[in-house]
Amino acid sequence: MTLKIELAIAGTALFGFGAFVAMQGADATEPVQVKPVNAFTQHDFVAFDRAFDWNGKNCVVGLERHDLCLGQSPLESKLKRGEELPDYVPALSAEFRVIVETDLKNASYQTVRFGRTLLLIDPVTRVVHDIMHLDAPDFETAQQDNFTPA
């Protein structure tokens, strides 16, 4: 009988020690290094909301949780990957809310928005490195330079 009690106490102590060690390992997490990307990703595309009610109207694409609906711009059809932005087009960074929703981009690029299109540009040369049409039906179509919404 005494042996059973001693084994029960030893088992409980061992279980407690194992739980303690496991908890120590769980608390000792290292920071995750996030590698910036050089192009738009599938995550960037799906981060935006589509076809939602915005102030009593249908919003094609935007960020519903931030009350942001993106309208069209006449410049969108003129933007091409690998080409330089025309001098008359200001290269203003996209809204902070838009940038926060997308994956971390390489620091040498600037995220710019024209209407419903996001661009990654080199801010010095103004060359378009990547393009994503947020009103496209899927990510593959969103990457095409010649996309025109229906």
C-alpha atoms as a PDB file:
ATOM      1  CA  MET A   1       0.000   0.000   0.000  1.00  0.00           C
ATOM      2  CA  THR A   2       2.817   2.364   0.887  1.00  0.00           C
ATOM      3  CA  LEU A   3       4.474   1.642  -2.465  1.00  0.00           C
ATOM      4  CA  LYS A   4       1.308   2.649  -4.346  1.00  0.00           C
ATOM      5  CA  ILE A   5       1.103   5.955  -2.487  1.00  0.00           C
ATOM      6  CA  GLU A   6       4.788   6.657  -3.130  1.00  0.00           C
ATOM      7  CA  LEU A   7       4.366   5.855  -6.830  1.00  0.00           C
ATOM      8  CA  ALA A   8       1.315   8.121  -7.016  1.00  0.00           C
ATOM      9  CA  ILE A   9       3.246  10.984  -5.385  1.00  0.00           C
ATOM     10  CA  ALA A  10       6.239  10.415  -7.704  1.00  0.00           C
ATOM     11  CA  GLY A  11       3.945  10.283 -10.742  1.00  0.00           C
ATOM     12  CA  THR A  12       2.229  13.524  -9.744  1.00  0.00           C
ATOM     13  CA  ALA A  13       5.587  15.218  -9.169  1.00  0.00           C
ATOM     14  CA  LEU A  14       6.869  13.999 -12.536  1.00  0.00           C
ATOM     15  CA  PHE A  15       3.708  15.208 -14.277  1.00  0.00           C
ATOM     16  CA  GLY A  16       4.041  18.609 -12.606  1.00  0.00           C
ATOM     17  CA  PHE A  17       7.689  18.870 -13.597  1.00  0.00           C
ATOM     18  CA  GLY A  18       6.832  17.990 -17.213  1.00  0.00           C
ATOM     19  CA  ALA A  19       4.119  20.633 -17.305  1.00  0.00           C
ATOM     20  CA  PHE A  20       6.554  23.186 -15.835  1.00  0.00           C
ATOM     21  CA  VAL A  21       9.191  22.404 -18.483  1.00  0.00           C
ATOM     22  CA  ALA A  22       6.603  22.597 -21.274  1.00  0.00           C
ATOM     23  CA  MET A  23       5.376  25.989 -20.034  1.00  0.00           C
ATOM     24  CA  GLN A  24       8.938  27.329 -19.908  1.00  0.00           C
ATOM     25  CA  GLY A  25       9.487  26.308 -23.512  1.00  0.00           C
ATOM     26  CA  ALA A  26       6.222  27.926 -24.589  1.00  0.00           C
ATOM     27  CA  ASP A  27       7.145  31.244 -22.994  1.00  0.00           C
ATOM     28  CA  ALA A  28      10.582  31.353 -24.560  1.00  0.00           C
ATOM     29  CA  THR A  29       9.533  32.274 -28.087  1.00  0.00           C
ATOM     30  CA  GLU A  30      11.875  34.063 -30.426  1.00  0.00           C
ATOM     31  CA  PRO A  31      10.686  36.973 -32.552  1.00  0.00           C
ATOM     32  CA  VAL A  32       9.653  35.944 -36.043  1.00  0.00           C
ATOM     33  CA  GLN A  33      11.689  37.515 -38.812  1.00  0.00           C
ATOM     34  CA  VAL A  34       9.378  38.699 -41.587  1.00  0.00           C
ATOM     35  CA  LYS A  35      11.087  38.846 -44.946  1.00  0.00           C
ATOM     36  CA  PRO A  36       9.836  41.703 -47.125  1.00  0.00           C
ATOM     37  CA  VAL A  37       8.507  40.696 -50.539  1.00  0.00           C
ATOM     38  CA  ASN A  38       9.234  42.251 -53.933  1.00  0.00           C
ATOM     39  CA  ALA A  39       5.803  41.718 -55.488  1.00  0.00           C
ATOM     40  CA  PHE A  40       2.145  41.615 -54.522  1.00  0.00           C
ATOM     41  CA  THR A  41       0.930  38.336 -53.058  1.00  0.00           C
ATOM     42  CA  GLN A  42      -2.297  36.359 -52.909  1.00  0.00           C
ATOM     43  CA  HIS A  43      -2.642  37.604 -49.317  1.00  0.00           C
ATOM     44  CA  ASP A  44      -2.554  41.200 -50.563  1.00  0.00           C
ATOM     45  CA  PHE A  45      -5.420  40.467 -52.963  1.00  0.00           C
ATOM     46  CA  VAL A  46      -7.672  38.709 -50.451  1.00  0.00           C
ATOM     47  CA  ALA A  47      -7.042  41.351 -47.759  1.00  0.00           C
ATOM     48  CA  PHE A  48      -9.524  43.607 -49.563  1.00  0.00           C
ATOM     49  CA  ASP A  49     -13.294  43.307 -49.292  1.00  0.00           C
ATOM     50  CA  ARG A  50     -15.447  43.069 -52.391  1.00  0.00           C
ATOM     51  CA  ALA A  51     -19.109  43.764 -53.169  1.00  0.00           C
ATOM     52  CA  PHE A  52     -20.159  45.239 -49.832  1.00  0.00           C
ATOM     53  CA  ASP A  53     -22.683  47.903 -48.839  1.00  0.00           C
ATOM     54  CA  TRP A  54     -21.021  51.276 -48.329  1.00  0.00           C
ATOM     55  CA  ASN A  55     -23.147  54.291 -47.395  1.00  0.00           C
ATOM     56  CA  GLY A  56     -26.180  52.759 -49.101  1.00  0.00           C
ATOM     57  CA  LYS A  57     -24.295  51.937 -52.317  1.00  0.00           C
ATOM     58  CA  ASN A  58     -22.517  48.841 -53.584  1.00  0.00           C
ATOM     59  CA  CYS A  59     -18.754  49.100 -53.176  1.00  0.00           C
ATOM     60  CA  VAL A  60     -16.851  47.034 -55.732  1.00  0.00           C
ATOM     61  CA  VAL A  61     -13.650  46.856 -53.669  1.00  0.00           C
ATOM     62  CA  GLY A  62     -12.302  48.460 -50.522  1.00  0.00           C
ATOM     63  CA  LEU A  63     -11.713  47.877 -46.833  1.00  0.00           C
ATOM     64  CA  GLU A  64     -15.136  47.587 -45.230  1.00  0.00           C
ATOM     65  CA  ARG A  65     -13.732  47.391 -41.688  1.00  0.00           C
ATOM     66  CA  HIS A  66     -12.060  50.779 -42.263  1.00  0.00           C
ATOM     67  CA  ASP A  67     -15.056  52.317 -44.095  1.00  0.00           C
ATOM     68  CA  LEU A  68     -12.954  52.732 -47.250  1.00  0.00           C
ATOM     69  CA  CYS A  69     -14.379  52.216 -50.736  1.00  0.00           C
ATOM     70  CA  LEU A  70     -11.998  52.533 -53.690  1.00  0.00           C
ATOM     71  CA  GLY A  71     -13.246  54.333 -56.790  1.00  0.00           C
ATOM     72  CA  GLN A  72     -11.903  54.064 -60.321  1.00  0.00           C
ATOM     73  CA  SER A  73      -9.223  56.285 -61.837  1.00  0.00           C
ATOM     74  CA  PRO A  74      -8.703  57.091 -65.531  1.00  0.00           C
ATOM     75  CA  LEU A  75      -4.972  56.421 -65.012  1.00  0.00           C
ATOM     76  CA  GLU A  76      -5.454  52.726 -64.223  1.00  0.00           C
ATOM     77  CA  SER A  77      -5.633  51.594 -67.859  1.00  0.00           C
ATOM     78  CA  LYS A  78      -2.361  53.408 -68.668  1.00  0.00           C
ATOM     79  CA  LEU A  79      -0.263  51.773 -65.946  1.00  0.00           C
ATOM     80  CA  LYS A  80       2.082  49.004 -67.089  1.00  0.00           C
ATOM     81  CA  ARG A  81       4.683  46.868 -65.325  1.00  0.00           C
ATOM     82  CA  GLY A  82       8.235  47.801 -66.275  1.00  0.00           C
ATOM     83  CA  GLU A  83       7.268  51.272 -67.493  1.00  0.00           C
ATOM     84  CA  GLU A  84       7.992  54.593 -65.857  1.00  0.00           C
ATOM     85  CA  LEU A  85       5.131  56.617 -64.418  1.00  0.00           C
ATOM     86  CA  PRO A  86       4.541  59.681 -66.606  1.00  0.00           C
ATOM     87  CA  ASP A  87       5.922  62.939 -65.181  1.00  0.00           C
ATOM     88  CA  TYR A  88       2.430  64.405 -64.817  1.00  0.00           C
ATOM     89  CA  VAL A  89       1.363  61.537 -62.505  1.00  0.00           C
ATOM     90  CA  PRO A  90       2.167  62.149 -58.830  1.00  0.00           C
ATOM     91  CA  ALA A  91       3.632  59.089 -57.081  1.00  0.00           C
ATOM     92  CA  LEU A  92       1.815  59.504 -53.775  1.00  0.00           C
ATOM     93  CA  SER A  93       1.960  56.609 -51.342  1.00  0.00           C
ATOM     94  CA  ALA A  94      -1.188  54.605 -50.783  1.00  0.00           C
ATOM     95  CA  GLU A  95      -3.252  55.353 -47.696  1.00  0.00           C
ATOM     96  CA  PHE A  96      -1.834  53.972 -44.477  1.00  0.00           C
ATOM     97  CA  ARG A  97      -4.894  51.724 -44.028  1.00  0.00           C
ATOM     98  CA  VAL A  98      -4.229  50.116 -47.418  1.00  0.00           C
ATOM     99  CA  ILE A  99      -0.523  49.574 -46.726  1.00  0.00           C
ATOM    100  CA  VAL A 100      -1.240  48.008 -43.315  1.00  0.00           C
ATOM    101  CA  GLU A 101      -3.493  45.384 -44.906  1.00  0.00           C
ATOM    102  CA  THR A 102      -0.841  44.235 -47.405  1.00  0.00           C
ATOM    103  CA  ASP A 103       2.253  42.099 -46.847  1.00  0.00           C
ATOM    104  CA  LEU A 104       5.487  43.848 -45.898  1.00  0.00           C
ATOM    105  CA  LYS A 105       7.177  45.084 -49.078  1.00  0.00           C
ATOM    106  CA  ASN A 106      10.864  45.584 -49.761  1.00  0.00           C
ATOM    107  CA  ALA A 107      11.906  48.977 -48.351  1.00  0.00           C
ATOM    108  CA  SER A 108      13.302  50.055 -51.725  1.00  0.00           C
ATOM    109  CA  TYR A 109       9.772  50.095 -53.196  1.00  0.00           C
ATOM    110  CA  GLN A 110       6.839  52.393 -52.591  1.00  0.00           C
ATOM    111  CA  THR A 111       3.219  51.210 -52.604  1.00  0.00           C
ATOM    112  CA  VAL A 112       1.092  53.595 -54.654  1.00  0.00           C
ATOM    113  CA  ARG A 113      -2.646  53.425 -55.361  1.00  0.00           C
ATOM    114  CA  PHE A 114      -4.479  54.747 -58.379  1.00  0.00           C
ATOM    115  CA  GLY A 115      -8.193  54.030 -58.133  1.00  0.00           C
ATOM    116  CA  ARG A 116      -8.576  50.288 -57.621  1.00  0.00           C
ATOM    117  CA  THR A 117      -5.021  49.453 -58.673  1.00  0.00           C
ATOM    118  CA  LEU A 118      -1.970  49.069 -56.432  1.00  0.00           C
ATOM    119  CA  LEU A 119       1.550  49.558 -57.760  1.00  0.00           C
ATOM    120  CA  LEU A 120       4.976  48.842 -56.374  1.00  0.00           C
ATOM    121  CA  ILE A 121       7.300  51.463 -57.794  1.00  0.00           C
ATOM    122  CA  ASP A 122      10.912  52.440 -57.419  1.00  0.00           C
ATOM    123  CA  PRO A 123      10.526  55.936 -55.932  1.00  0.00           C
ATOM    124  CA  VAL A 124      13.752  57.171 -57.564  1.00  0.00           C
ATOM    125  CA  THR A 125      13.252  55.945 -61.139  1.00  0.00           C
ATOM    126  CA  ARG A 126       9.411  55.825 -60.929  1.00  0.00           C
ATOM    127  CA  VAL A 127       9.453  52.464 -62.734  1.00  0.00           C
ATOM    128  CA  VAL A 128       6.480  50.192 -61.978  1.00  0.00           C
ATOM    129  CA  HIS A 129       7.868  46.980 -60.476  1.00  0.00           C
ATOM    130  CA  ASP A 130       4.542  45.221 -59.844  1.00  0.00           C
ATOM    131  CA  ILE A 131       0.856  45.894 -60.386  1.00  0.00           C
ATOM    132  CA  MET A 132      -2.333  44.490 -58.852  1.00  0.00           C
ATOM    133  CA  HIS A 133      -5.880  45.302 -59.964  1.00  0.00           C
ATOM    134  CA  LEU A 134      -8.026  44.917 -56.856  1.00  0.00           C
ATOM    135  CA  ASP A 135     -11.308  44.732 -58.791  1.00  0.00           C
ATOM    136  CA  ALA A 136     -10.198  41.648 -60.754  1.00  0.00           C
ATOM    137  CA  PRO A 137     -12.128  38.407 -60.139  1.00  0.00           C
ATOM    138  CA  ASP A 138      -9.030  36.509 -58.931  1.00  0.00           C
ATOM    139  CA  PHE A 139      -5.357  37.013 -58.075  1.00  0.00           C
ATOM    140  CA  GLU A 140      -4.024  35.713 -61.411  1.00  0.00           C
ATOM    141  CA  THR A 141      -6.165  38.182 -63.363  1.00  0.00           C
ATOM    142  CA  ALA A 142      -5.256  40.956 -60.910  1.00  0.00           C
ATOM    143  CA  GLN A 143      -1.611  40.589 -61.960  1.00  0.00           C
ATOM    144  CA  GLN A 144      -2.263  41.218 -65.666  1.00  0.00           C
ATOM    145  CA  ASP A 145      -1.158  44.566 -67.067  1.00  0.00           C
ATOM    146  CA  ASN A 146      -4.005  44.671 -69.569  1.00  0.00           C
ATOM    147  CA  PHE A 147      -6.890  43.962 -67.142  1.00  0.00           C
ATOM    148  CA  THR A 148     -10.008  46.049 -67.676  1.00  0.00           C
ATOM    149  CA  PRO A 149     -12.958  45.704 -65.313  1.00  0.00           C
ATOM    150  CA  ALA A 150     -16.267  44.472 -66.706  1.00  0.00           C
END
